[in-house]
Protein backbone atom coordinates (compact mmCIF):
# COMPACT_ATOMS: atom_id res chain seq x y z
CA UNK A 1 107.58 46.99 -148.69
CA UNK A 2 104.55 49.00 -148.47
CA UNK A 3 101.57 47.67 -148.13
CA UNK A 4 97.61 49.30 -148.16
CA UNK A 5 95.07 47.17 -146.75
CA UNK A 6 91.68 48.47 -146.40
CA UNK A 7 89.29 47.23 -144.10
CA UNK A 8 85.58 47.92 -144.25
CA UNK A 9 83.37 46.43 -141.00
CA UNK A 10 79.48 46.43 -141.16
CA UNK A 11 77.53 45.90 -137.98
CA UNK A 12 74.79 43.88 -137.62
CA UNK A 13 72.34 46.14 -139.84
CA UNK A 14 69.56 43.55 -139.01
CA UNK A 15 68.26 45.40 -135.80
CA UNK A 16 66.27 47.43 -137.13
CA UNK A 17 66.15 51.33 -136.46
CA UNK A 18 66.77 53.26 -139.91
CA UNK A 19 69.00 50.49 -141.35
CA UNK A 20 65.86 49.60 -143.59
CA UNK A 21 65.98 53.05 -144.67
CA UNK A 22 69.96 53.88 -144.94
CA UNK A 23 70.67 50.69 -146.66
CA UNK A 24 70.86 51.51 -150.28
CA UNK A 25 73.08 54.19 -149.35
CA UNK A 26 75.51 52.68 -147.41
CA UNK A 27 75.61 49.97 -150.15
CA UNK A 28 76.34 52.82 -152.39
CA UNK A 29 79.31 53.86 -150.24
CA UNK A 30 80.83 50.46 -149.90
CA UNK A 31 80.64 49.62 -153.61
CA UNK A 32 82.47 53.15 -153.95
CA UNK A 33 85.33 52.04 -151.44
CA UNK A 34 85.62 49.15 -152.73
CA UNK A 35 85.96 50.58 -156.58
CA UNK A 36 88.30 52.38 -155.34
CA UNK A 37 90.58 49.63 -154.11
CA UNK A 38 90.23 47.79 -157.43
CA UNK A 39 91.00 50.58 -159.32
CA UNK A 40 94.11 51.68 -156.81
CA UNK A 41 95.52 48.07 -156.63
CA UNK A 42 95.38 47.72 -153.00
CA UNK A 43 93.59 44.88 -151.19
CA UNK A 44 89.87 45.73 -149.63
CA UNK A 45 88.29 43.30 -147.09
CA UNK A 46 85.07 43.63 -146.01
CA UNK A 47 84.10 42.07 -142.55
CA UNK A 48 80.02 41.67 -142.02
CA UNK A 49 78.17 39.01 -141.22
CA UNK A 50 76.53 38.84 -144.35
CA UNK A 51 75.15 41.11 -147.58
CA UNK A 52 72.62 42.43 -144.37
CA UNK A 53 73.34 45.89 -146.06
CA UNK A 54 71.52 45.10 -148.85
CA UNK A 55 67.60 45.25 -148.13
CA UNK A 56 66.29 41.42 -147.95
CA UNK A 57 63.29 39.22 -147.01
CA UNK A 58 64.32 38.27 -143.13
CA UNK A 59 64.21 42.19 -141.73
CA UNK A 60 61.31 42.47 -143.97
CA UNK A 61 59.68 39.18 -143.01
CA UNK A 62 60.46 39.80 -139.58
CA UNK A 63 58.66 43.28 -139.17
CA UNK A 64 55.16 41.33 -140.64
CA UNK A 65 53.18 40.71 -137.75
CA UNK A 66 50.97 38.99 -140.58
CA UNK A 67 53.63 36.27 -140.10
CA UNK A 68 53.40 36.01 -136.34
CA UNK A 69 51.38 32.45 -136.28
CA UNK A 70 54.22 31.30 -138.56
CA UNK A 71 56.80 32.43 -136.57
CA UNK A 72 55.24 30.95 -133.20
CA UNK A 73 54.42 27.62 -134.69
CA UNK A 74 58.18 27.19 -135.99
CA UNK A 75 59.40 27.88 -132.74
CA UNK A 76 57.24 25.69 -130.89
CA UNK A 77 57.91 22.67 -133.23
CA UNK A 78 61.89 23.55 -132.96
CA UNK A 79 62.34 23.59 -129.14
CA UNK A 80 59.10 21.12 -128.62
CA UNK A 81 57.08 22.96 -127.22
CA UNK A 82 53.02 23.23 -127.16
CA UNK A 83 51.37 24.92 -129.48
CA UNK A 84 47.90 25.54 -127.24
CA UNK A 85 46.63 28.03 -129.88
CA UNK A 86 46.79 25.04 -132.30
CA UNK A 87 46.55 22.03 -129.28
CA UNK A 88 43.30 19.99 -128.59
CA UNK A 89 45.13 19.09 -125.38
CA UNK A 90 42.69 21.51 -123.42
CA UNK A 91 39.30 20.35 -124.70
CA UNK A 92 40.44 16.74 -124.63
CA UNK A 93 41.61 17.24 -120.93
CA UNK A 94 38.53 19.61 -119.79
CA UNK A 95 35.97 17.33 -121.38
CA UNK A 96 36.87 13.95 -121.18
CA UNK A 97 39.67 13.42 -118.16
CA UNK A 98 37.48 15.58 -115.87
CA UNK A 99 34.47 14.14 -115.61
CA UNK A 100 35.89 10.50 -115.82
CA UNK A 101 38.06 11.83 -112.62
CA UNK A 102 34.92 13.30 -111.02
CA UNK A 103 33.14 9.93 -111.88
CA UNK A 104 36.29 7.68 -110.29
CA UNK A 105 37.04 9.47 -107.32
CA UNK A 106 33.18 9.22 -106.26
CA UNK A 107 32.15 5.77 -107.13
CA UNK A 108 34.40 4.83 -103.08
CA UNK A 109 32.82 7.25 -101.61
CA UNK A 110 31.26 7.38 -98.27
CA UNK A 111 28.31 9.84 -98.09
CA UNK A 112 27.73 9.20 -93.90
CA UNK A 113 31.20 9.87 -93.11
CA UNK A 114 31.34 12.97 -95.48
CA UNK A 115 28.20 13.91 -93.42
CA UNK A 116 29.34 13.17 -90.54
CA UNK A 117 32.39 16.21 -91.40
CA UNK A 118 30.04 18.33 -89.47
CA UNK A 119 28.86 22.06 -90.43
CA UNK A 120 32.68 23.88 -90.23
CA UNK A 121 33.42 22.44 -93.96
CA UNK A 122 29.78 24.36 -95.50
CA UNK A 123 30.70 27.38 -92.88
CA UNK A 124 34.64 27.38 -94.47
CA UNK A 125 33.58 26.68 -98.01
CA UNK A 126 30.51 29.85 -97.68
CA UNK A 127 33.66 31.68 -95.77
CA UNK A 128 35.64 31.67 -99.34
CA UNK A 129 32.87 32.63 -100.87
CA UNK A 130 32.68 35.48 -99.26
CA UNK A 131 35.98 36.54 -99.06
CA UNK A 132 36.12 36.63 -102.93
CA UNK A 133 32.67 38.45 -102.88
CA UNK A 134 34.63 41.10 -101.08
CA UNK A 135 37.90 40.87 -101.74
CA UNK A 136 37.08 42.00 -105.21
CA UNK A 137 35.56 45.61 -104.61
CA UNK A 138 38.05 46.18 -101.65
CA UNK A 139 41.49 45.38 -104.06
CA UNK A 140 40.13 47.71 -107.01
CA UNK A 141 39.48 50.30 -104.03
CA UNK A 142 42.71 50.12 -103.15
CA UNK A 143 44.63 49.81 -106.62
CA UNK A 144 42.41 52.49 -107.95
CA UNK A 145 44.09 54.89 -104.85
CA UNK A 146 47.35 54.79 -106.63
CA UNK A 147 45.97 54.10 -110.12
CA UNK A 148 42.97 56.18 -110.99
CA UNK A 149 43.09 55.50 -114.48
CA UNK A 150 42.54 51.38 -113.96
CA UNK A 151 38.56 52.03 -113.43
CA UNK A 152 37.58 52.76 -116.94
CA UNK A 153 33.95 53.47 -118.14
CA UNK A 154 31.87 52.12 -120.43
CA UNK A 155 32.57 48.58 -121.48
CA UNK A 156 35.77 49.23 -120.87
CA UNK A 157 35.34 49.35 -117.18
CA UNK A 158 37.59 47.90 -114.82
CA UNK A 159 34.71 46.21 -113.29
CA UNK A 160 33.29 44.77 -116.07
CA UNK A 161 36.30 42.32 -116.83
CA UNK A 162 37.04 41.56 -112.78
CA UNK A 163 33.54 40.16 -112.80
CA UNK A 164 34.53 37.48 -115.24
CA UNK A 165 37.24 36.92 -112.54
CA UNK A 166 34.38 36.58 -109.83
CA UNK A 167 32.80 33.84 -111.85
CA UNK A 168 36.04 32.12 -112.25
CA UNK A 169 36.95 31.87 -108.68
CA UNK A 170 33.80 31.69 -106.92
CA UNK A 171 32.44 28.73 -109.93
CA UNK A 172 34.77 27.99 -113.03
CA UNK A 173 34.90 28.18 -116.32
CA UNK A 174 31.44 28.41 -117.38
CA UNK A 175 30.34 31.23 -114.43
CA UNK A 176 33.59 33.13 -115.93
CA UNK A 177 32.27 32.93 -119.45
CA UNK A 178 28.69 33.43 -118.16
CA UNK A 179 29.91 37.28 -116.81
CA UNK A 180 31.93 37.91 -119.96
CA UNK A 181 28.38 38.09 -121.91
CA UNK A 182 26.49 39.54 -119.56
CA UNK A 183 29.10 42.32 -118.78
CA UNK A 184 30.19 42.53 -122.55
CA UNK A 185 34.07 43.20 -121.26
CA UNK A 186 35.81 43.13 -124.78
CA UNK A 187 37.78 40.30 -125.39
CA UNK A 188 41.20 42.19 -126.15
CA UNK A 189 41.51 42.83 -122.52
CA UNK A 190 40.18 39.42 -121.49
CA UNK A 191 43.33 37.92 -122.19
CA UNK A 192 45.21 39.59 -119.66
CA UNK A 193 42.60 38.78 -116.92
CA UNK A 194 42.83 34.99 -117.78
CA UNK A 195 46.76 35.42 -117.00
CA UNK A 196 45.73 36.79 -113.87
CA UNK A 197 42.99 34.52 -112.98
CA UNK A 198 45.48 31.53 -113.86
CA UNK A 199 48.94 33.04 -112.47
CA UNK A 200 47.34 34.02 -108.97
CA UNK A 201 45.05 31.15 -108.92
CA UNK A 202 48.14 28.64 -109.25
CA UNK A 203 50.22 30.28 -106.79
CA UNK A 204 47.90 30.25 -104.02
CA UNK A 205 47.67 25.99 -105.15
CA UNK A 206 51.68 26.03 -104.38
CA UNK A 207 51.02 27.31 -101.33
CA UNK A 208 48.49 25.04 -100.35
CA UNK A 209 50.04 22.09 -101.37
CA UNK A 210 52.65 22.96 -99.14
CA UNK A 211 50.37 23.23 -96.48
CA UNK A 212 48.90 19.99 -96.87
CA UNK A 213 52.31 18.00 -96.38
CA UNK A 214 52.42 20.10 -93.13
CA UNK A 215 48.77 20.62 -92.31
CA UNK A 216 49.16 19.14 -88.50
CA UNK A 217 51.40 21.75 -87.69
CA UNK A 218 48.85 24.37 -88.89
CA UNK A 219 45.94 22.48 -87.43
CA UNK A 220 47.75 22.97 -84.09
CA UNK A 221 47.91 26.52 -84.57
CA UNK A 222 44.50 26.57 -85.62
CA UNK A 223 43.62 25.00 -82.70
CA UNK A 224 41.66 22.79 -84.81
CA UNK A 225 40.34 18.55 -84.34
CA UNK A 226 40.94 17.22 -87.07
CA UNK A 227 39.24 13.69 -85.97
CA UNK A 228 36.68 13.59 -88.05
CA UNK A 229 38.51 13.84 -90.80
CA UNK A 230 40.83 11.39 -90.15
CA UNK A 231 38.52 8.72 -88.91
CA UNK A 232 36.61 9.71 -92.85
CA UNK A 233 39.89 8.88 -94.02
CA UNK A 234 40.75 5.88 -92.19
CA UNK A 235 37.47 4.38 -93.11
CA UNK A 236 37.59 5.06 -96.82
CA UNK A 237 41.28 3.66 -97.32
CA UNK A 238 40.06 0.56 -94.67
CA UNK A 239 37.75 -0.05 -97.12
CA UNK A 240 39.72 0.70 -100.31
CA UNK A 241 42.52 -2.24 -98.40
CA UNK A 242 39.72 -4.67 -97.77
CA UNK A 243 38.23 -5.04 -101.65
CA UNK A 244 42.07 -4.67 -102.96
CA UNK A 245 42.97 -7.34 -105.31
CA UNK A 246 45.48 -8.02 -108.28
CA UNK A 247 43.54 -6.51 -111.38
CA UNK A 248 43.50 -8.41 -114.58
CA UNK A 249 43.10 -7.02 -118.41
CA UNK A 250 39.25 -7.20 -118.28
CA UNK A 251 39.13 -5.67 -114.57
CA UNK A 252 40.44 -2.98 -116.60
CA UNK A 253 38.60 -2.99 -119.34
CA UNK A 254 35.30 -3.24 -117.27
CA UNK A 255 36.68 0.15 -115.42
CA UNK A 256 37.27 1.85 -118.22
CA UNK A 257 34.49 0.97 -120.33
CA UNK A 258 32.18 1.93 -117.56
CA UNK A 259 34.00 5.53 -116.64
CA UNK A 260 33.79 6.31 -120.30
CA UNK A 261 30.56 5.57 -120.94
CA UNK A 262 29.45 7.54 -117.91
CA UNK A 263 31.49 10.32 -119.48
CA UNK A 264 29.70 10.13 -123.14
CA UNK A 265 26.30 9.62 -121.00
CA UNK A 266 27.37 12.83 -119.03
CA UNK A 267 28.15 15.15 -122.23
CA UNK A 268 24.77 13.27 -123.67
CA UNK A 269 22.47 14.27 -121.32
CA UNK A 270 24.65 17.86 -120.36
CA UNK A 271 24.11 18.80 -123.72
CA UNK A 272 20.50 18.03 -124.24
CA UNK A 273 20.06 20.04 -120.49
CA UNK A 274 22.14 23.00 -121.33
CA UNK A 275 19.76 23.68 -124.47
CA UNK A 276 16.96 23.02 -122.44
CA UNK A 277 17.92 25.91 -120.29
CA UNK A 278 19.20 27.87 -122.71
CA UNK A 279 15.95 27.86 -124.25
CA UNK A 280 14.17 28.84 -121.20
CA UNK A 281 16.27 31.21 -119.15
CA UNK A 282 19.08 32.53 -121.72
CA UNK A 283 22.77 31.42 -123.27
CA UNK A 284 24.10 33.47 -119.95
CA UNK A 285 22.40 31.49 -117.50
CA UNK A 286 24.68 28.77 -115.54
CA UNK A 287 22.28 26.60 -116.29
CA UNK A 288 22.69 26.65 -119.95
CA UNK A 289 26.46 25.38 -119.79
CA UNK A 290 27.08 22.01 -121.42
CA UNK A 291 29.79 21.97 -119.07
CA UNK A 292 28.00 22.55 -115.56
CA UNK A 293 25.98 19.17 -116.21
CA UNK A 294 28.68 17.39 -117.35
CA UNK A 295 30.43 17.81 -114.05
CA UNK A 296 26.68 17.64 -112.62
CA UNK A 297 25.56 14.39 -114.11
CA UNK A 298 29.61 12.34 -113.99
CA UNK A 299 29.41 13.34 -109.97
CA UNK A 300 25.82 12.40 -109.56
CA UNK A 301 26.05 8.88 -111.44
CA UNK A 302 29.18 8.38 -109.41
CA UNK A 303 27.61 9.03 -106.24
CA UNK A 304 24.69 7.17 -107.53
CA UNK A 305 26.96 4.06 -108.26
CA UNK A 306 28.81 4.21 -104.94
CA UNK A 307 26.00 2.29 -103.70
CA UNK A 308 25.58 -0.52 -105.88
CA UNK A 309 28.26 -3.11 -106.80
CA UNK A 310 30.34 -0.80 -108.73
CA UNK A 311 31.69 0.51 -105.84
CA UNK A 312 34.20 -2.55 -105.82
CA UNK A 313 36.13 -1.16 -108.87
CA UNK A 314 38.10 0.68 -105.80
CA UNK A 315 39.64 -2.88 -105.35
CA UNK A 316 41.66 -2.39 -109.06
CA UNK A 317 42.67 1.50 -108.01
CA UNK A 318 39.29 3.32 -109.87
CA UNK A 319 40.26 6.49 -107.27
CA UNK A 320 43.97 6.10 -108.18
CA UNK A 321 42.85 6.42 -111.58
CA UNK A 322 41.24 9.68 -111.18
CA UNK A 323 43.44 11.14 -109.37
CA UNK A 324 46.03 10.52 -112.63
CA UNK A 325 43.61 12.22 -114.78
CA UNK A 326 43.38 15.25 -112.42
CA UNK A 327 46.88 15.25 -112.14
CA UNK A 328 46.93 15.34 -116.12
CA UNK A 329 44.23 17.95 -116.08
CA UNK A 330 46.68 19.77 -114.16
CA UNK A 331 49.40 20.12 -116.28
CA UNK A 332 47.49 20.74 -119.21
CA UNK A 333 46.16 23.93 -117.71
CA UNK A 334 50.22 24.58 -116.88
CA UNK A 335 50.72 24.59 -120.39
CA UNK A 336 47.80 27.25 -121.18
CA UNK A 337 49.78 29.90 -118.57
CA UNK A 338 51.20 32.49 -120.54
CA UNK A 339 53.58 34.47 -117.63
CA UNK A 340 54.70 37.16 -120.53
CA UNK A 341 50.84 38.63 -120.18
CA UNK A 342 51.39 40.10 -116.79
CA UNK A 343 53.37 42.97 -118.45
CA UNK A 344 50.39 43.78 -119.89
CA UNK A 345 48.11 44.49 -116.67
CA UNK A 346 50.11 45.13 -113.71
CA UNK A 347 47.22 46.87 -112.35
CA UNK A 348 44.90 43.60 -112.84
CA UNK A 349 47.65 41.72 -111.69
CA UNK A 350 48.08 43.81 -108.31
CA UNK A 351 44.10 43.45 -108.01
CA UNK A 352 44.67 39.70 -108.53
CA UNK A 353 47.10 39.66 -105.69
CA UNK A 354 45.27 41.97 -103.11
CA UNK A 355 42.05 40.59 -103.84
CA UNK A 356 43.20 36.48 -103.17
CA UNK A 357 44.97 38.00 -100.17
CA UNK A 358 42.20 39.26 -98.86
CA UNK A 359 40.34 35.84 -99.35
CA UNK A 360 43.43 33.94 -97.59
CA UNK A 361 43.28 36.10 -94.51
CA UNK A 362 39.71 36.23 -93.92
CA UNK A 363 39.63 31.90 -94.47
CA UNK A 364 42.58 32.32 -91.16
CA UNK A 365 40.81 34.15 -89.34
CA UNK A 366 37.36 32.56 -89.67
CA UNK A 367 38.95 28.96 -88.99
CA UNK A 368 40.86 30.02 -86.24
CA UNK A 369 37.66 31.33 -84.70
CA UNK A 370 35.88 27.97 -85.09
CA UNK A 371 39.00 26.23 -85.16
CA UNK A 372 38.33 24.49 -88.35
CA UNK A 373 40.95 21.98 -89.83
CA UNK A 374 43.27 23.26 -92.36
CA UNK A 375 42.07 20.67 -94.75
CA UNK A 376 38.91 22.29 -94.60
CA UNK A 377 40.53 25.76 -95.36
CA UNK A 378 42.19 24.70 -98.21
CA UNK A 379 39.44 22.43 -100.08
CA UNK A 380 36.68 25.20 -99.31
CA UNK A 381 39.37 27.87 -100.97
CA UNK A 382 39.90 25.57 -103.92
CA UNK A 383 35.84 24.59 -104.73
CA UNK A 384 35.67 28.19 -105.19
CA UNK A 385 38.93 29.26 -106.81
CA UNK A 386 39.94 25.96 -108.45
CA UNK A 387 36.70 24.52 -109.17
CA UNK A 388 36.28 20.62 -110.20
CA UNK A 389 39.41 20.64 -111.45
CA UNK A 390 41.92 21.60 -108.75
CA UNK A 391 39.34 20.79 -104.92
CA UNK A 392 40.00 17.26 -105.79
CA UNK A 393 44.01 17.71 -106.38
CA UNK A 394 43.87 19.79 -103.24
CA UNK A 395 42.21 16.80 -100.77
CA UNK A 396 43.57 14.10 -102.72
CA UNK A 397 46.97 16.30 -101.05
CA UNK A 398 45.93 15.09 -97.97
CA UNK A 399 44.79 11.68 -98.81
CA UNK A 400 43.76 9.94 -102.08
CA UNK A 401 40.90 8.99 -99.84
CA UNK A 402 39.35 13.08 -99.23
CA UNK A 403 39.28 13.68 -103.16
CA UNK A 404 35.71 13.32 -102.87
CA UNK A 405 35.00 16.06 -100.54
CA UNK A 406 36.84 18.47 -103.21
CA UNK A 407 34.60 17.24 -105.52
CA UNK A 408 31.19 17.76 -104.00
CA UNK A 409 32.03 21.16 -102.52
CA UNK A 410 33.47 22.11 -106.27
CA UNK A 411 29.96 21.47 -107.62
CA UNK A 412 28.41 23.31 -104.99
CA UNK A 413 30.55 26.29 -105.94
CA UNK A 414 29.18 25.87 -109.69
CA UNK A 415 25.77 26.68 -108.32
CA UNK A 416 26.52 29.48 -106.63
CA UNK A 417 29.45 31.19 -109.24
CA UNK A 418 27.03 33.29 -111.31
CA UNK A 419 24.85 34.42 -108.69
CA UNK A 420 27.96 35.84 -106.46
CA UNK A 421 30.18 37.06 -109.22
CA UNK A 422 26.75 39.29 -109.80
CA UNK A 423 26.80 40.29 -106.41
CA UNK A 424 30.20 41.04 -106.56
CA UNK A 425 30.74 42.71 -109.40
CA UNK A 426 27.80 45.11 -108.77
CA UNK A 427 30.26 46.29 -105.59
CA UNK A 428 32.98 46.35 -107.54
CA UNK A 429 30.94 48.90 -110.05
CA UNK A 430 29.64 51.14 -107.30
CA UNK A 431 33.66 51.59 -106.48
CA UNK A 432 34.31 53.44 -110.07
């Protein structure tokens, strides 16, 4: 028995290209073939993922960039991801977790012991700063030999954008923002530089955390004597053990009550001092940053409290809670990292890696010459590159009792950040 079957196969025409323009013609052909089958009395089957040859809202909406935020929000809800564009995690972490951590970790500090570490700590910190100042123009020059267009001109000149990176890697976010305002780099390009900042800095942090776990071997290679660090670590650890006790509910109420009272005071005075210096020196000045003063005040209050009975709060785990807040801060920093931005500026990413490599090599060479312990290398570097958010983490990786050392050096980095970044920027401008 003769049998005739017509099979019409339509591929996925929602994929773009010329599908939308040709859809009406394609639909007319399909309709005509189906009509022929009906008239001729034979079967016809249409194999398709749906009526996707008919122009519909899916295809058109997919090409509407105005709906990008809606799609992103739906995607993040669907997969349980954090939408950092809508989340207040970073402001909360930066404004509350960080000053709380700084206060809690400096509460039990041994000032005499830290001063007893000697001048190698300061030397390595300043070496890290010099590595950033010199590494920027060197990295820009090297990459420009292969990609001359990276130099740019006018407001989009590379050195203007890289100045923000120098501000971040010597001081912190406040210094970075100051450089952005001073040199007027376009915000469109700044997003890629933020990606370079976070990705390169955090990759280096991974190596430092690994090195902290193997610091004894590294110290042997450096020929360093880390006895002063071990003495400070043991002194602070012994003090903690001597006052350690089982905490009660009212102890924690007292601890967190005092902590966040200090945080509130830091913001109150920081806002007032920031406004005062903004009127005196301009809004671009480092001293005009409220965040700078929040860090300084919370650290200073913690140092002052270390000479009072409040130091005994370490007995219920004050510094441990401080480290916890820092870890939460680092986790939030990770949510802000967009690795896809690497593709937007590969030349800038290359500059960032070369820049950081020079910084690292200089640190290791100087450490080898003066026989500085790896602890000073790691903390000195992150006090510059990571600031108050990262330096205590690295210090605590060696021992929780050493976290205050990272805090103090980080504050010094904030003070030098703007001046070092300006010097670096002028040197990079000379490259172009």
